[in-house]
């Protein structure tokens, strides 16, 4: 699943925070619902494009909101870091 990453139309892919420049590139996924295991989604779509040391995968607040229910509490920050 090779994916060419480009910024969304009208968005700058480079942002600067506290003097550090970051490149933000959206990763196209299927429609994520509360039925999806967020760690499986992160691995399926993130792992193929996170290729350099220091690469970080951020998950949209909209998607995180789907997984805020207690039944998804095992999908915490440490679990996500360990999976990728």
C-alpha atoms as a PDB file:
ATOM      1  CA  UNK A   1       0.000   0.000   0.000  1.00  0.00           C
ATOM      2  CA  UNK A   2       2.455   2.658  -1.226  1.00  0.00           C
ATOM      3  CA  UNK A   3       0.988   6.120  -0.776  1.00  0.00           C
ATOM      4  CA  UNK A   4       2.299   9.410  -2.115  1.00  0.00           C
ATOM      5  CA  UNK A   5       1.798  12.042   0.576  1.00  0.00           C
ATOM      6  CA  UNK A   6       0.839  15.638  -0.222  1.00  0.00           C
ATOM      7  CA  UNK A   7      -0.630  18.438   1.902  1.00  0.00           C
ATOM      8  CA  UNK A   8      -4.371  19.050   1.647  1.00  0.00           C
ATOM      9  CA  UNK A   9      -5.408  21.771  -0.805  1.00  0.00           C
ATOM     10  CA  UNK A  10      -4.871  25.208   0.694  1.00  0.00           C
ATOM     11  CA  UNK A  11      -2.801  23.839   3.597  1.00  0.00           C
ATOM     12  CA  UNK A  12       0.890  24.395   4.220  1.00  0.00           C
ATOM     13  CA  UNK A  13       2.683  21.128   4.926  1.00  0.00           C
ATOM     14  CA  UNK A  14       5.410  22.887   6.956  1.00  0.00           C
ATOM     15  CA  UNK A  15       4.564  24.458  10.310  1.00  0.00           C
ATOM     16  CA  UNK A  16       6.873  26.022  12.881  1.00  0.00           C
ATOM     17  CA  UNK A  17       6.387  25.622  16.619  1.00  0.00           C
ATOM     18  CA  UNK A  18       8.821  27.187  19.096  1.00  0.00           C
ATOM     19  CA  UNK A  19      11.422  27.566  16.358  1.00  0.00           C
ATOM     20  CA  UNK A  20      11.195  23.924  15.237  1.00  0.00           C
ATOM     21  CA  UNK A  21       9.864  23.151  11.758  1.00  0.00           C
ATOM     22  CA  UNK A  22       7.565  20.174  11.246  1.00  0.00           C
ATOM     23  CA  UNK A  23       6.177  18.667   8.061  1.00  0.00           C
ATOM     24  CA  UNK A  24       2.522  17.596   8.273  1.00  0.00           C
ATOM     25  CA  UNK A  25       1.183  15.222   5.656  1.00  0.00           C
ATOM     26  CA  UNK A  26      -2.286  13.664   5.696  1.00  0.00           C
ATOM     27  CA  UNK A  27      -2.582   9.901   5.347  1.00  0.00           C
ATOM     28  CA  UNK A  28      -5.662   8.683   3.488  1.00  0.00           C
ATOM     29  CA  UNK A  29      -7.562   5.936   5.332  1.00  0.00           C
ATOM     30  CA  UNK A  30     -10.888   4.178   5.084  1.00  0.00           C
ATOM     31  CA  UNK A  31     -13.788   5.781   6.973  1.00  0.00           C
ATOM     32  CA  UNK A  32     -12.804   5.147  10.593  1.00  0.00           C
ATOM     33  CA  UNK A  33     -15.637   4.350  13.002  1.00  0.00           C
ATOM     34  CA  UNK A  34     -15.946   3.367  16.659  1.00  0.00           C
ATOM     35  CA  UNK A  35     -15.880  -0.274  15.486  1.00  0.00           C
ATOM     36  CA  UNK A  36     -12.240   0.061  14.335  1.00  0.00           C
ATOM     37  CA  UNK A  37      -9.326  -0.768  16.611  1.00  0.00           C
ATOM     38  CA  UNK A  38      -7.340   2.467  16.465  1.00  0.00           C
ATOM     39  CA  UNK A  39      -4.017   0.664  16.969  1.00  0.00           C
ATOM     40  CA  UNK A  40      -4.739  -1.576  13.970  1.00  0.00           C
ATOM     41  CA  UNK A  41      -5.626   1.501  11.891  1.00  0.00           C
ATOM     42  CA  UNK A  42      -2.436   3.289  12.989  1.00  0.00           C
ATOM     43  CA  UNK A  43      -0.301   0.297  12.077  1.00  0.00           C
ATOM     44  CA  UNK A  44      -2.029  -0.364   8.743  1.00  0.00           C
ATOM     45  CA  UNK A  45      -1.787   3.217   7.471  1.00  0.00           C
ATOM     46  CA  UNK A  46       1.030   4.736   9.512  1.00  0.00           C
ATOM     47  CA  UNK A  47       3.706   2.083   9.514  1.00  0.00           C
ATOM     48  CA  UNK A  48       4.283   2.120   5.720  1.00  0.00           C
ATOM     49  CA  UNK A  49       4.952   5.882   5.686  1.00  0.00           C
ATOM     50  CA  UNK A  50       6.840   6.360   8.973  1.00  0.00           C
ATOM     51  CA  UNK A  51      10.277   5.646   7.611  1.00  0.00           C
ATOM     52  CA  UNK A  52      12.730   7.989   9.356  1.00  0.00           C
ATOM     53  CA  UNK A  53      13.819   8.059  13.000  1.00  0.00           C
ATOM     54  CA  UNK A  54      11.783  10.725  14.754  1.00  0.00           C
ATOM     55  CA  UNK A  55       8.744  10.399  12.467  1.00  0.00           C
ATOM     56  CA  UNK A  56       5.550  10.795  14.503  1.00  0.00           C
ATOM     57  CA  UNK A  57       1.980   9.770  13.744  1.00  0.00           C
ATOM     58  CA  UNK A  58      -0.754  12.092  15.006  1.00  0.00           C
ATOM     59  CA  UNK A  59      -4.379  11.045  14.986  1.00  0.00           C
ATOM     60  CA  UNK A  60      -7.115  13.596  14.338  1.00  0.00           C
ATOM     61  CA  UNK A  61      -9.194  14.736  17.289  1.00  0.00           C
ATOM     62  CA  UNK A  62     -12.294  13.607  15.414  1.00  0.00           C
ATOM     63  CA  UNK A  63     -10.987  10.049  15.319  1.00  0.00           C
ATOM     64  CA  UNK A  64      -9.744  10.161  18.919  1.00  0.00           C
ATOM     65  CA  UNK A  65     -13.245  11.264  19.956  1.00  0.00           C
ATOM     66  CA  UNK A  66     -14.661   8.042  18.542  1.00  0.00           C
ATOM     67  CA  UNK A  67     -12.335   6.071  20.788  1.00  0.00           C
ATOM     68  CA  UNK A  68     -12.760   8.029  24.019  1.00  0.00           C
ATOM     69  CA  UNK A  69     -15.220   5.546  25.479  1.00  0.00           C
ATOM     70  CA  UNK A  70     -13.928   3.442  28.419  1.00  0.00           C
ATOM     71  CA  UNK A  71     -13.932   0.274  26.310  1.00  0.00           C
ATOM     72  CA  UNK A  72     -11.039   1.772  24.328  1.00  0.00           C
ATOM     73  CA  UNK A  73      -8.991   2.838  27.346  1.00  0.00           C
ATOM     74  CA  UNK A  74      -6.373   0.183  26.564  1.00  0.00           C
ATOM     75  CA  UNK A  75      -5.486   2.203  23.448  1.00  0.00           C
ATOM     76  CA  UNK A  76      -3.565   4.780  25.435  1.00  0.00           C
ATOM     77  CA  UNK A  77      -0.495   6.765  24.433  1.00  0.00           C
ATOM     78  CA  UNK A  78       2.038   4.168  25.626  1.00  0.00           C
ATOM     79  CA  UNK A  79       0.299   1.356  23.755  1.00  0.00           C
ATOM     80  CA  UNK A  80       0.296   3.385  20.551  1.00  0.00           C
ATOM     81  CA  UNK A  81       3.989   4.231  20.895  1.00  0.00           C
ATOM     82  CA  UNK A  82       4.920   0.615  21.495  1.00  0.00           C
ATOM     83  CA  UNK A  83       2.926  -0.589  18.472  1.00  0.00           C
ATOM     84  CA  UNK A  84       4.833   1.512  15.962  1.00  0.00           C
END
